[in-house]
Amino acid sequence: MREGLQRLLELDGEVEVVAGCGDLDSLLQAVESERPDVVLTDIRMPPDSTDEGIRAARALRESHPELGVVVLSQYSEPAYALALLETGSDRRAYLLKDRVDDRSQLVGAIRSVAEGGSYVDPKVVERLVKAKSAAERSPLAELTPRELDVLREMAQGANNAAIAEALVVTERSVEKYVHSIFAKLGLTWEENVNRRVKAVLVYLAAVDRP
């Protein structure tokens, strides 16, 4: 794929390919030796094939803040794009691999980061919007920050006494928070059903949503 991308980009008069790299170390070395304007990298590459592209972008943000980075990925989950952009969106792009056969879109992302801008694949933006909309519809949106703190402790298996100690409040206050959480989540009493367990399941379903 790297060789195919190189040939594709060499057909564009705006782009000059100065190096091709097969792993994270060689990429960082090429940046030092060639001083490119933009790095185009896969999200995964040797040595570990995990998130080297994201790690490279973070490292280059510190060592070469003026350098643009375009990360290619097969993952449309917003979490990956957000990981790339958490240190700032300027000079960063996240593009899905199924777009790379469209040279104009690929070059457009490269040009955008070279000029100090950013680009996020429309499919990822769509999923971000859907995730935000789902979160806004979640009953968890009705909880206060302190009630969310209590629910997080519940999710870790803490009882009321342990929650009171962790949050430095009285056990009576915790009881009130717990009752309020049950009410807001619509968790009425049901035979053989632990409402604390149901509340935790609601919480975990929300935080695990892509």
N, C-alpha and C. Protein backbone atom coordinates (compact mmCIF):
# COMPACT_ATOMS: atom_id res chain seq x y z
N MET A 1 0.83 -1.20 0.00
CA MET A 1 0.00 0.00 0.00
C MET A 1 0.86 1.25 0.00
N ARG A 2 1.97 1.20 0.74
CA ARG A 2 2.86 2.36 0.79
C ARG A 2 3.38 2.70 -0.60
N GLU A 3 3.79 1.68 -1.35
CA GLU A 3 4.31 1.91 -2.70
C GLU A 3 3.22 2.44 -3.62
N GLY A 4 2.00 1.93 -3.46
CA GLY A 4 0.89 2.41 -4.28
C GLY A 4 0.58 3.87 -4.00
N LEU A 5 0.60 4.25 -2.74
CA LEU A 5 0.36 5.64 -2.37
C LEU A 5 1.45 6.55 -2.92
N GLN A 6 2.68 6.05 -2.86
CA GLN A 6 3.79 6.86 -3.36
C GLN A 6 3.64 7.13 -4.85
N ARG A 7 3.27 6.09 -5.59
CA ARG A 7 3.07 6.29 -7.04
C ARG A 7 1.90 7.22 -7.30
N LEU A 8 0.84 7.07 -6.51
CA LEU A 8 -0.34 7.93 -6.69
C LEU A 8 0.01 9.39 -6.46
N LEU A 9 0.77 9.66 -5.39
CA LEU A 9 1.11 11.04 -5.06
C LEU A 9 2.10 11.64 -6.04
N GLU A 10 2.97 10.79 -6.60
CA GLU A 10 3.95 11.29 -7.56
C GLU A 10 3.29 11.76 -8.85
N LEU A 11 2.03 11.36 -9.07
CA LEU A 11 1.30 11.81 -10.25
C LEU A 11 0.75 13.22 -10.08
N ASP A 12 0.79 13.71 -8.85
CA ASP A 12 0.25 15.04 -8.57
C ASP A 12 1.38 16.06 -8.56
N GLY A 13 1.22 17.11 -9.31
CA GLY A 13 2.26 18.11 -9.42
C GLY A 13 2.50 18.91 -8.16
N GLU A 14 1.54 18.90 -7.24
CA GLU A 14 1.69 19.67 -6.00
C GLU A 14 2.52 18.94 -4.95
N VAL A 15 2.69 17.63 -5.10
CA VAL A 15 3.28 16.82 -4.05
C VAL A 15 4.63 16.27 -4.48
N GLU A 16 5.61 16.40 -3.62
CA GLU A 16 6.92 15.78 -3.83
C GLU A 16 7.15 14.79 -2.69
N VAL A 17 7.29 13.52 -3.03
CA VAL A 17 7.54 12.48 -2.03
C VAL A 17 9.05 12.41 -1.78
N VAL A 18 9.46 12.66 -0.55
CA VAL A 18 10.90 12.70 -0.24
C VAL A 18 11.40 11.43 0.43
N ALA A 19 10.48 10.58 0.95
CA ALA A 19 10.91 9.35 1.60
C ALA A 19 9.73 8.42 1.77
N GLY A 20 10.03 7.12 1.82
CA GLY A 20 9.04 6.11 2.15
C GLY A 20 9.58 5.28 3.31
N CYS A 21 8.76 5.07 4.33
CA CYS A 21 9.25 4.42 5.56
C CYS A 21 8.35 3.24 5.93
N GLY A 22 8.98 2.19 6.47
CA GLY A 22 8.24 0.99 6.80
C GLY A 22 7.93 0.80 8.26
N ASP A 23 8.46 1.66 9.13
CA ASP A 23 8.18 1.52 10.56
C ASP A 23 8.32 2.87 11.25
N LEU A 24 7.97 2.89 12.52
CA LEU A 24 7.95 4.14 13.27
C LEU A 24 9.33 4.77 13.38
N ASP A 25 10.34 3.98 13.68
CA ASP A 25 11.68 4.53 13.86
C ASP A 25 12.20 5.18 12.58
N SER A 26 12.00 4.49 11.44
CA SER A 26 12.50 5.05 10.18
C SER A 26 11.72 6.30 9.79
N LEU A 27 10.45 6.35 10.17
CA LEU A 27 9.65 7.55 9.90
C LEU A 27 10.22 8.75 10.65
N LEU A 28 10.49 8.56 11.94
CA LEU A 28 11.02 9.67 12.74
C LEU A 28 12.41 10.08 12.28
N GLN A 29 13.20 9.10 11.84
CA GLN A 29 14.53 9.41 11.30
C GLN A 29 14.43 10.20 10.00
N ALA A 30 13.45 9.82 9.16
CA ALA A 30 13.28 10.53 7.88
C ALA A 30 12.84 11.97 8.10
N VAL A 31 12.04 12.20 9.12
CA VAL A 31 11.63 13.56 9.45
C VAL A 31 12.85 14.41 9.78
N GLU A 32 13.77 13.84 10.54
CA GLU A 32 14.98 14.58 10.91
C GLU A 32 15.88 14.85 9.71
N SER A 33 15.99 13.87 8.81
CA SER A 33 16.93 14.01 7.70
C SER A 33 16.35 14.78 6.51
N GLU A 34 15.04 14.60 6.26
CA GLU A 34 14.44 15.19 5.06
C GLU A 34 13.69 16.49 5.32
N ARG A 35 13.30 16.71 6.55
CA ARG A 35 12.55 17.92 6.94
C ARG A 35 11.34 18.15 6.03
N PRO A 36 10.42 17.20 5.96
CA PRO A 36 9.24 17.37 5.10
C PRO A 36 8.25 18.37 5.67
N ASP A 37 7.30 18.78 4.84
CA ASP A 37 6.22 19.65 5.30
C ASP A 37 5.09 18.84 5.92
N VAL A 38 4.91 17.61 5.43
CA VAL A 38 3.81 16.76 5.86
C VAL A 38 4.27 15.32 5.96
N VAL A 39 3.77 14.61 6.97
CA VAL A 39 3.96 13.17 7.09
C VAL A 39 2.62 12.50 6.81
N LEU A 40 2.61 11.51 5.93
CA LEU A 40 1.44 10.68 5.66
C LEU A 40 1.73 9.30 6.23
N THR A 41 0.96 8.89 7.24
CA THR A 41 1.29 7.65 7.93
C THR A 41 0.06 6.78 8.16
N ASP A 42 0.29 5.48 8.18
CA ASP A 42 -0.75 4.54 8.57
C ASP A 42 -0.93 4.65 10.08
N ILE A 43 -2.13 4.39 10.57
CA ILE A 43 -2.34 4.40 12.02
C ILE A 43 -1.59 3.26 12.68
N ARG A 44 -1.39 2.15 11.95
CA ARG A 44 -0.66 0.99 12.47
C ARG A 44 0.52 0.66 11.57
N MET A 45 1.66 0.40 12.20
CA MET A 45 2.84 -0.02 11.47
C MET A 45 3.80 -0.69 12.44
N PRO A 46 4.83 -1.35 11.92
CA PRO A 46 5.82 -1.94 12.83
C PRO A 46 6.44 -0.86 13.71
N PRO A 47 6.89 -1.21 14.93
CA PRO A 47 7.17 -2.58 15.37
C PRO A 47 5.99 -3.32 16.00
N ASP A 48 4.98 -2.61 16.49
CA ASP A 48 3.93 -3.28 17.25
C ASP A 48 2.61 -3.40 16.49
N SER A 49 2.45 -2.60 15.43
CA SER A 49 1.20 -2.57 14.66
C SER A 49 -0.01 -2.32 15.56
N THR A 50 0.10 -1.28 16.38
CA THR A 50 -1.00 -0.90 17.26
C THR A 50 -1.49 0.51 16.92
N ASP A 51 -0.82 1.53 17.47
CA ASP A 51 -1.24 2.91 17.22
C ASP A 51 -0.03 3.80 16.92
N GLU A 52 0.92 3.23 16.19
CA GLU A 52 2.17 3.98 15.93
C GLU A 52 1.93 5.32 15.25
N GLY A 53 0.93 5.38 14.36
CA GLY A 53 0.65 6.64 13.68
C GLY A 53 0.23 7.73 14.65
N ILE A 54 -0.61 7.38 15.63
CA ILE A 54 -1.03 8.34 16.64
C ILE A 54 0.16 8.74 17.49
N ARG A 55 0.98 7.77 17.86
CA ARG A 55 2.15 8.06 18.68
C ARG A 55 3.13 8.96 17.94
N ALA A 56 3.30 8.71 16.65
CA ALA A 56 4.18 9.56 15.85
C ALA A 56 3.67 11.00 15.82
N ALA A 57 2.35 11.15 15.64
CA ALA A 57 1.76 12.49 15.60
C ALA A 57 1.98 13.22 16.91
N ARG A 58 1.84 12.52 18.03
CA ARG A 58 2.06 13.14 19.33
C ARG A 58 3.51 13.55 19.51
N ALA A 59 4.44 12.65 19.14
CA ALA A 59 5.85 12.96 19.28
C ALA A 59 6.24 14.14 18.40
N LEU A 60 5.71 14.17 17.19
CA LEU A 60 6.06 15.24 16.26
C LEU A 60 5.43 16.57 16.67
N ARG A 61 4.32 16.50 17.39
CA ARG A 61 3.73 17.75 17.91
C ARG A 61 4.71 18.45 18.83
N GLU A 62 5.48 17.65 19.58
CA GLU A 62 6.47 18.21 20.50
C GLU A 62 7.75 18.62 19.79
N SER A 63 8.26 17.74 18.92
CA SER A 63 9.57 17.99 18.31
C SER A 63 9.50 18.87 17.06
N HIS A 64 8.40 18.78 16.30
CA HIS A 64 8.26 19.55 15.06
C HIS A 64 6.83 20.09 14.97
N PRO A 65 6.49 21.09 15.79
CA PRO A 65 5.10 21.57 15.83
C PRO A 65 4.60 22.14 14.51
N GLU A 66 5.51 22.51 13.63
CA GLU A 66 5.11 23.09 12.34
C GLU A 66 4.79 22.02 11.29
N LEU A 67 5.04 20.76 11.61
CA LEU A 67 4.88 19.66 10.66
C LEU A 67 3.44 19.16 10.62
N GLY A 68 2.90 19.00 9.41
CA GLY A 68 1.57 18.43 9.25
C GLY A 68 1.61 16.91 9.27
N VAL A 69 0.57 16.28 9.81
CA VAL A 69 0.49 14.82 9.87
C VAL A 69 -0.89 14.38 9.39
N VAL A 70 -0.91 13.50 8.39
CA VAL A 70 -2.14 12.88 7.92
C VAL A 70 -2.09 11.41 8.31
N VAL A 71 -3.05 10.97 9.11
CA VAL A 71 -3.11 9.57 9.55
C VAL A 71 -4.16 8.83 8.73
N LEU A 72 -3.75 7.74 8.12
CA LEU A 72 -4.67 6.88 7.38
C LEU A 72 -5.11 5.73 8.28
N SER A 73 -6.39 5.45 8.27
CA SER A 73 -6.91 4.41 9.17
C SER A 73 -8.08 3.69 8.52
N GLN A 74 -8.29 2.46 8.93
CA GLN A 74 -9.47 1.71 8.51
C GLN A 74 -10.59 1.83 9.53
N TYR A 75 -10.33 2.58 10.62
CA TYR A 75 -11.28 2.65 11.73
C TYR A 75 -12.06 3.96 11.70
N SER A 76 -13.38 3.85 11.59
CA SER A 76 -14.22 5.04 11.61
C SER A 76 -14.68 5.41 13.01
N GLU A 77 -14.29 4.60 14.03
CA GLU A 77 -14.65 4.92 15.41
C GLU A 77 -14.06 6.27 15.81
N PRO A 78 -14.88 7.16 16.35
CA PRO A 78 -14.38 8.50 16.71
C PRO A 78 -13.22 8.49 17.68
N ALA A 79 -13.10 7.45 18.52
CA ALA A 79 -12.06 7.43 19.54
C ALA A 79 -10.67 7.58 18.94
N TYR A 80 -10.44 6.97 17.78
CA TYR A 80 -9.11 7.06 17.16
C TYR A 80 -8.83 8.49 16.68
N ALA A 81 -9.82 9.10 16.04
CA ALA A 81 -9.63 10.48 15.58
C ALA A 81 -9.44 11.42 16.76
N LEU A 82 -10.20 11.22 17.83
CA LEU A 82 -10.08 12.07 19.00
C LEU A 82 -8.71 11.91 19.66
N ALA A 83 -8.17 10.69 19.63
CA ALA A 83 -6.83 10.48 20.17
C ALA A 83 -5.80 11.27 19.38
N LEU A 84 -5.98 11.34 18.07
CA LEU A 84 -5.07 12.12 17.22
C LEU A 84 -5.18 13.61 17.53
N LEU A 85 -6.39 14.08 17.77
CA LEU A 85 -6.63 15.51 17.89
C LEU A 85 -6.56 16.04 19.32
N GLU A 86 -6.30 15.15 20.30
CA GLU A 86 -6.35 15.60 21.69
C GLU A 86 -5.26 16.60 22.04
N THR A 87 -4.18 16.64 21.24
CA THR A 87 -3.13 17.64 21.48
C THR A 87 -3.30 18.86 20.58
N GLY A 88 -4.45 18.95 19.92
CA GLY A 88 -4.71 20.06 19.01
C GLY A 88 -5.07 19.56 17.63
N SER A 89 -5.97 20.28 16.96
CA SER A 89 -6.41 19.85 15.64
C SER A 89 -5.62 20.48 14.51
N ASP A 90 -4.89 21.57 14.80
CA ASP A 90 -4.15 22.22 13.73
C ASP A 90 -3.06 21.30 13.17
N ARG A 91 -2.92 21.29 11.86
CA ARG A 91 -1.93 20.49 11.14
C ARG A 91 -2.12 18.98 11.36
N ARG A 92 -3.36 18.55 11.56
CA ARG A 92 -3.64 17.13 11.73
C ARG A 92 -4.84 16.74 10.88
N ALA A 93 -4.76 15.55 10.27
CA ALA A 93 -5.86 15.02 9.47
C ALA A 93 -6.03 13.54 9.75
N TYR A 94 -7.28 13.10 9.74
CA TYR A 94 -7.61 11.69 9.94
C TYR A 94 -8.46 11.26 8.77
N LEU A 95 -7.93 10.36 7.95
CA LEU A 95 -8.57 9.98 6.69
C LEU A 95 -8.71 8.47 6.62
N LEU A 96 -9.89 8.00 6.26
CA LEU A 96 -10.11 6.57 6.14
C LEU A 96 -9.46 6.03 4.87
N LYS A 97 -8.97 4.80 4.97
CA LYS A 97 -8.21 4.23 3.86
C LYS A 97 -9.04 4.05 2.60
N ASP A 98 -10.35 3.88 2.77
CA ASP A 98 -11.15 3.68 1.57
C ASP A 98 -11.31 4.97 0.76
N ARG A 99 -10.70 6.07 1.23
CA ARG A 99 -10.73 7.33 0.49
C ARG A 99 -9.47 7.52 -0.36
N VAL A 100 -8.45 6.70 -0.14
CA VAL A 100 -7.16 7.03 -0.75
C VAL A 100 -7.15 6.84 -2.26
N ASP A 101 -8.13 6.11 -2.82
CA ASP A 101 -8.15 6.01 -4.27
C ASP A 101 -8.66 7.30 -4.92
N ASP A 102 -9.18 8.21 -4.09
CA ASP A 102 -9.58 9.53 -4.57
C ASP A 102 -8.41 10.48 -4.31
N ARG A 103 -7.57 10.65 -5.33
CA ARG A 103 -6.35 11.43 -5.14
C ARG A 103 -6.64 12.87 -4.72
N SER A 104 -7.72 13.45 -5.25
CA SER A 104 -8.03 14.83 -4.92
C SER A 104 -8.34 14.98 -3.43
N GLN A 105 -9.01 13.99 -2.85
CA GLN A 105 -9.33 14.06 -1.42
C GLN A 105 -8.08 13.86 -0.57
N LEU A 106 -7.25 12.92 -0.99
CA LEU A 106 -6.00 12.68 -0.26
C LEU A 106 -5.09 13.91 -0.31
N VAL A 107 -4.92 14.46 -1.51
CA VAL A 107 -4.07 15.64 -1.66
C VAL A 107 -4.69 16.84 -0.93
N GLY A 108 -6.02 16.89 -0.92
CA GLY A 108 -6.69 17.97 -0.20
C GLY A 108 -6.39 17.94 1.28
N ALA A 109 -6.36 16.72 1.86
CA ALA A 109 -6.03 16.59 3.28
C ALA A 109 -4.58 16.98 3.53
N ILE A 110 -3.68 16.57 2.63
CA ILE A 110 -2.27 16.92 2.75
C ILE A 110 -2.09 18.44 2.66
N ARG A 111 -2.76 19.04 1.71
CA ARG A 111 -2.65 20.49 1.55
C ARG A 111 -3.19 21.22 2.78
N SER A 112 -4.30 20.71 3.32
CA SER A 112 -4.92 21.36 4.47
C SER A 112 -3.97 21.41 5.67
N VAL A 113 -3.34 20.28 5.99
CA VAL A 113 -2.44 20.28 7.15
C VAL A 113 -1.16 21.06 6.86
N ALA A 114 -0.72 21.07 5.60
CA ALA A 114 0.47 21.83 5.25
C ALA A 114 0.24 23.33 5.47
N GLU A 115 -1.02 23.74 5.31
CA GLU A 115 -1.36 25.16 5.47
C GLU A 115 -1.78 25.51 6.89
N GLY A 116 -1.66 24.52 7.81
CA GLY A 116 -1.98 24.79 9.20
C GLY A 116 -3.39 24.41 9.61
N GLY A 117 -4.16 23.84 8.67
CA GLY A 117 -5.53 23.46 8.98
C GLY A 117 -5.65 22.03 9.45
N SER A 118 -6.87 21.51 9.39
CA SER A 118 -7.12 20.14 9.82
C SER A 118 -8.18 19.53 8.92
N TYR A 119 -8.28 18.20 9.00
CA TYR A 119 -9.27 17.49 8.19
C TYR A 119 -9.64 16.21 8.91
N VAL A 120 -10.94 15.94 9.03
CA VAL A 120 -11.43 14.70 9.61
C VAL A 120 -12.40 14.08 8.61
N ASP A 121 -12.21 12.80 8.33
CA ASP A 121 -13.04 12.11 7.35
C ASP A 121 -14.52 12.29 7.66
N PRO A 122 -15.34 12.58 6.65
CA PRO A 122 -16.77 12.80 6.88
C PRO A 122 -17.47 11.64 7.57
N LYS A 123 -17.03 10.41 7.33
CA LYS A 123 -17.65 9.26 7.99
C LYS A 123 -17.42 9.31 9.50
N VAL A 124 -16.24 9.77 9.89
CA VAL A 124 -15.93 9.88 11.32
C VAL A 124 -16.75 11.00 11.95
N VAL A 125 -16.88 12.11 11.23
CA VAL A 125 -17.69 13.22 11.73
C VAL A 125 -19.14 12.77 11.93
N GLU A 126 -19.65 11.99 10.98
CA GLU A 126 -21.02 11.49 11.09
C GLU A 126 -21.20 10.64 12.35
N ARG A 127 -20.21 9.80 12.65
CA ARG A 127 -20.30 8.95 13.84
C ARG A 127 -20.18 9.78 15.11
N LEU A 128 -19.36 10.83 15.06
CA LEU A 128 -19.25 11.73 16.22
C LEU A 128 -20.58 12.41 16.51
N VAL A 129 -21.26 12.86 15.46
CA VAL A 129 -22.55 13.51 15.63
C VAL A 129 -23.57 12.54 16.20
N LYS A 130 -23.58 11.30 15.68
CA LYS A 130 -24.52 10.30 16.18
C LYS A 130 -24.24 9.96 17.64
N ALA A 131 -22.94 9.85 17.99
CA ALA A 131 -22.58 9.53 19.37
C ALA A 131 -23.00 10.65 20.31
N LYS A 132 -22.81 11.91 19.88
CA LYS A 132 -23.21 13.05 20.71
C LYS A 132 -24.73 13.07 20.89
N SER A 133 -25.45 12.79 19.80
CA SER A 133 -26.90 12.77 19.88
C SER A 133 -27.38 11.68 20.81
N ALA A 134 -26.75 10.49 20.72
CA ALA A 134 -27.12 9.38 21.60
C ALA A 134 -26.84 9.72 23.06
N ALA A 135 -25.68 10.38 23.29
CA ALA A 135 -25.32 10.75 24.65
C ALA A 135 -26.32 11.75 25.23
N GLU A 136 -26.79 12.67 24.38
CA GLU A 136 -27.74 13.67 24.85
C GLU A 136 -29.09 13.04 25.19
N ARG A 137 -29.42 11.92 24.51
CA ARG A 137 -30.67 11.23 24.81
C ARG A 137 -30.54 10.29 26.00
N SER A 138 -29.33 10.03 26.44
CA SER A 138 -29.11 9.09 27.53
C SER A 138 -29.65 9.67 28.84
N PRO A 139 -30.27 8.82 29.67
CA PRO A 139 -30.74 9.31 30.97
C PRO A 139 -29.59 9.78 31.86
N LEU A 140 -28.36 9.36 31.56
CA LEU A 140 -27.22 9.82 32.35
C LEU A 140 -27.03 11.33 32.23
N ALA A 141 -27.54 11.91 31.13
CA ALA A 141 -27.40 13.35 30.95
C ALA A 141 -28.17 14.13 32.01
N GLU A 142 -29.11 13.45 32.71
CA GLU A 142 -29.89 14.11 33.75
C GLU A 142 -29.17 14.15 35.09
N LEU A 143 -28.12 13.36 35.25
CA LEU A 143 -27.44 13.28 36.53
C LEU A 143 -26.53 14.49 36.75
N THR A 144 -26.41 14.89 38.00
CA THR A 144 -25.49 15.96 38.36
C THR A 144 -24.06 15.41 38.39
N PRO A 145 -23.06 16.28 38.36
CA PRO A 145 -21.67 15.80 38.44
C PRO A 145 -21.42 14.93 39.67
N ARG A 146 -21.99 15.30 40.83
CA ARG A 146 -21.78 14.51 42.03
C ARG A 146 -22.48 13.15 41.93
N GLU A 147 -23.66 13.12 41.33
CA GLU A 147 -24.35 11.85 41.14
C GLU A 147 -23.57 10.93 40.20
N LEU A 148 -22.93 11.52 39.19
CA LEU A 148 -22.08 10.73 38.31
C LEU A 148 -20.87 10.18 39.06
N ASP A 149 -20.32 10.98 39.97
CA ASP A 149 -19.21 10.50 40.80
C ASP A 149 -19.64 9.27 41.60
N VAL A 150 -20.82 9.35 42.20
CA VAL A 150 -21.34 8.23 42.99
C VAL A 150 -21.54 7.00 42.10
N LEU A 151 -22.10 7.21 40.90
CA LEU A 151 -22.35 6.09 39.99
C LEU A 151 -21.05 5.45 39.54
N ARG A 152 -20.02 6.25 39.33
CA ARG A 152 -18.72 5.69 38.95
C ARG A 152 -18.18 4.80 40.06
N GLU A 153 -18.34 5.25 41.30
CA GLU A 153 -17.90 4.43 42.43
C GLU A 153 -18.72 3.14 42.51
N MET A 154 -20.01 3.23 42.25
CA MET A 154 -20.86 2.05 42.24
C MET A 154 -20.40 1.06 41.18
N ALA A 155 -19.98 1.60 40.04
CA ALA A 155 -19.52 0.74 38.94
C ALA A 155 -18.26 -0.02 39.31
N GLN A 156 -17.53 0.50 40.30
CA GLN A 156 -16.32 -0.19 40.77
C GLN A 156 -16.62 -1.12 41.93
N GLY A 157 -17.92 -1.28 42.25
CA GLY A 157 -18.32 -2.23 43.28
C GLY A 157 -18.35 -1.67 44.69
N ALA A 158 -18.21 -0.36 44.84
CA ALA A 158 -18.17 0.22 46.18
C ALA A 158 -19.55 0.28 46.81
N ASN A 159 -19.62 0.01 48.12
CA ASN A 159 -20.88 0.18 48.84
C ASN A 159 -20.99 1.63 49.30
N ASN A 160 -22.10 1.95 49.97
CA ASN A 160 -22.33 3.34 50.36
C ASN A 160 -21.24 3.88 51.28
N ALA A 161 -20.78 3.05 52.22
CA ALA A 161 -19.75 3.51 53.15
C ALA A 161 -18.45 3.81 52.41
N ALA A 162 -18.08 2.95 51.48
CA ALA A 162 -16.84 3.16 50.71
C ALA A 162 -16.96 4.38 49.82
N ILE A 163 -18.15 4.58 49.26
CA ILE A 163 -18.36 5.77 48.41
C ILE A 163 -18.23 7.03 49.25
N ALA A 164 -18.83 7.02 50.44
CA ALA A 164 -18.75 8.19 51.32
C ALA A 164 -17.31 8.53 51.65
N GLU A 165 -16.51 7.50 51.91
CA GLU A 165 -15.10 7.73 52.24
C GLU A 165 -14.34 8.26 51.03
N ALA A 166 -14.60 7.70 49.85
CA ALA A 166 -13.87 8.11 48.65
C ALA A 166 -14.21 9.55 48.25
N LEU A 167 -15.47 9.94 48.42
CA LEU A 167 -15.91 11.27 47.99
C LEU A 167 -15.93 12.30 49.11
N VAL A 168 -15.54 11.85 50.31
CA VAL A 168 -15.47 12.73 51.49
C VAL A 168 -16.83 13.40 51.72
N VAL A 169 -17.86 12.56 51.81
CA VAL A 169 -19.20 13.03 52.16
C VAL A 169 -19.75 12.06 53.20
N THR A 170 -20.90 12.39 53.76
CA THR A 170 -21.51 11.49 54.74
C THR A 170 -22.21 10.33 54.03
N GLU A 171 -22.35 9.24 54.76
CA GLU A 171 -23.05 8.08 54.19
C GLU A 171 -24.50 8.43 53.89
N ARG A 172 -25.08 9.29 54.73
CA ARG A 172 -26.46 9.73 54.49
C ARG A 172 -26.57 10.48 53.17
N SER A 173 -25.57 11.29 52.85
CA SER A 173 -25.58 12.01 51.58
C SER A 173 -25.50 11.04 50.41
N VAL A 174 -24.67 10.02 50.58
CA VAL A 174 -24.56 9.01 49.52
C VAL A 174 -25.91 8.33 49.28
N GLU A 175 -26.61 8.01 50.36
CA GLU A 175 -27.93 7.38 50.23
C GLU A 175 -28.87 8.27 49.42
N LYS A 176 -28.84 9.57 49.69
CA LYS A 176 -29.69 10.51 48.95
C LYS A 176 -29.29 10.53 47.47
N TYR A 177 -27.98 10.55 47.20
CA TYR A 177 -27.53 10.54 45.81
C TYR A 177 -27.98 9.27 45.10
N VAL A 178 -27.86 8.15 45.78
CA VAL A 178 -28.23 6.87 45.18
C VAL A 178 -29.72 6.85 44.85
N HIS A 179 -30.55 7.31 45.78
CA HIS A 179 -32.00 7.35 45.52
C HIS A 179 -32.31 8.27 44.34
N SER A 180 -31.61 9.39 44.26
CA SER A 180 -31.82 10.32 43.15
C SER A 180 -31.41 9.68 41.82
N ILE A 181 -30.30 8.95 41.85
CA ILE A 181 -29.84 8.25 40.63
C ILE A 181 -30.90 7.26 40.17
N PHE A 182 -31.42 6.46 41.10
CA PHE A 182 -32.45 5.48 40.75
C PHE A 182 -33.65 6.18 40.12
N ALA A 183 -34.06 7.29 40.70
CA ALA A 183 -35.25 8.00 40.21
C ALA A 183 -35.01 8.54 38.80
N LYS A 184 -33.86 9.17 38.59
CA LYS A 184 -33.58 9.77 37.29
C LYS A 184 -33.38 8.73 36.20
N LEU A 185 -32.87 7.55 36.59
CA LEU A 185 -32.67 6.49 35.60
C LEU A 185 -33.93 5.64 35.43
N GLY A 186 -34.97 5.97 36.18
CA GLY A 186 -36.22 5.24 36.05
C GLY A 186 -36.15 3.82 36.57
N LEU A 187 -35.33 3.58 37.59
CA LEU A 187 -35.12 2.23 38.12
C LEU A 187 -36.04 2.00 39.31
N THR A 188 -37.25 1.52 39.04
CA THR A 188 -38.19 1.18 40.10
C THR A 188 -37.87 -0.20 40.65
N TRP A 189 -38.43 -0.52 41.83
CA TRP A 189 -38.15 -1.82 42.45
C TRP A 189 -38.75 -2.94 41.63
N GLU A 190 -37.97 -3.99 41.42
CA GLU A 190 -38.45 -5.19 40.75
C GLU A 190 -37.94 -6.39 41.53
N GLU A 191 -38.79 -7.40 41.67
CA GLU A 191 -38.41 -8.59 42.41
C GLU A 191 -37.20 -9.26 41.77
N ASN A 192 -36.24 -9.63 42.60
CA ASN A 192 -35.03 -10.35 42.18
C ASN A 192 -34.12 -9.51 41.28
N VAL A 193 -34.30 -8.20 41.26
CA VAL A 193 -33.44 -7.33 40.45
C VAL A 193 -32.79 -6.29 41.36
N ASN A 194 -31.48 -6.24 41.37
CA ASN A 194 -30.74 -5.28 42.16
C ASN A 194 -30.65 -3.97 41.39
N ARG A 195 -31.23 -2.92 41.93
CA ARG A 195 -31.24 -1.64 41.21
C ARG A 195 -29.83 -1.07 41.05
N ARG A 196 -28.95 -1.34 42.00
CA ARG A 196 -27.57 -0.88 41.87
C ARG A 196 -26.93 -1.51 40.64
N VAL A 197 -27.19 -2.79 40.43
CA VAL A 197 -26.63 -3.48 39.26
C VAL A 197 -27.18 -2.87 37.98
N LYS A 198 -28.49 -2.61 37.96
CA LYS A 198 -29.09 -2.02 36.76
C LYS A 198 -28.53 -0.62 36.49
N ALA A 199 -28.34 0.16 37.54
CA ALA A 199 -27.77 1.50 37.37
C ALA A 199 -26.37 1.42 36.78
N VAL A 200 -25.58 0.50 37.29
CA VAL A 200 -24.22 0.33 36.78
C VAL A 200 -24.24 -0.11 35.31
N LEU A 201 -25.18 -0.98 34.95
CA LEU A 201 -25.28 -1.42 33.56
C LEU A 201 -25.63 -0.26 32.63
N VAL A 202 -26.51 0.61 33.08
CA VAL A 202 -26.83 1.81 32.28
C VAL A 202 -25.59 2.66 32.08
N TYR A 203 -24.83 2.83 33.16
CA TYR A 203 -23.60 3.64 33.09
C TYR A 203 -22.58 3.02 32.14
N LEU A 204 -22.34 1.72 32.29
CA LEU A 204 -21.34 1.06 31.46
C LEU A 204 -21.75 1.05 30.00
N ALA A 205 -23.03 0.88 29.72
CA ALA A 205 -23.49 0.89 28.33
C ALA A 205 -23.21 2.25 27.69
N ALA A 206 -23.33 3.32 28.49
CA ALA A 206 -23.08 4.67 27.94
C ALA A 206 -21.61 4.93 27.71
N VAL A 207 -20.76 4.58 28.68
CA VAL A 207 -19.34 4.89 28.56
C VAL A 207 -18.66 4.00 27.54
N ASP A 208 -19.23 2.83 27.23
CA ASP A 208 -18.62 1.94 26.26
C ASP A 208 -19.11 2.20 24.85
N ARG A 209 -20.07 3.13 24.70
CA ARG A 209 -20.60 3.40 23.36
C ARG A 209 -19.51 4.04 22.52
N PRO A 210 -19.29 3.58 21.24
CA PRO A 210 -18.25 4.16 20.38
C PRO A 210 -18.48 5.65 20.17
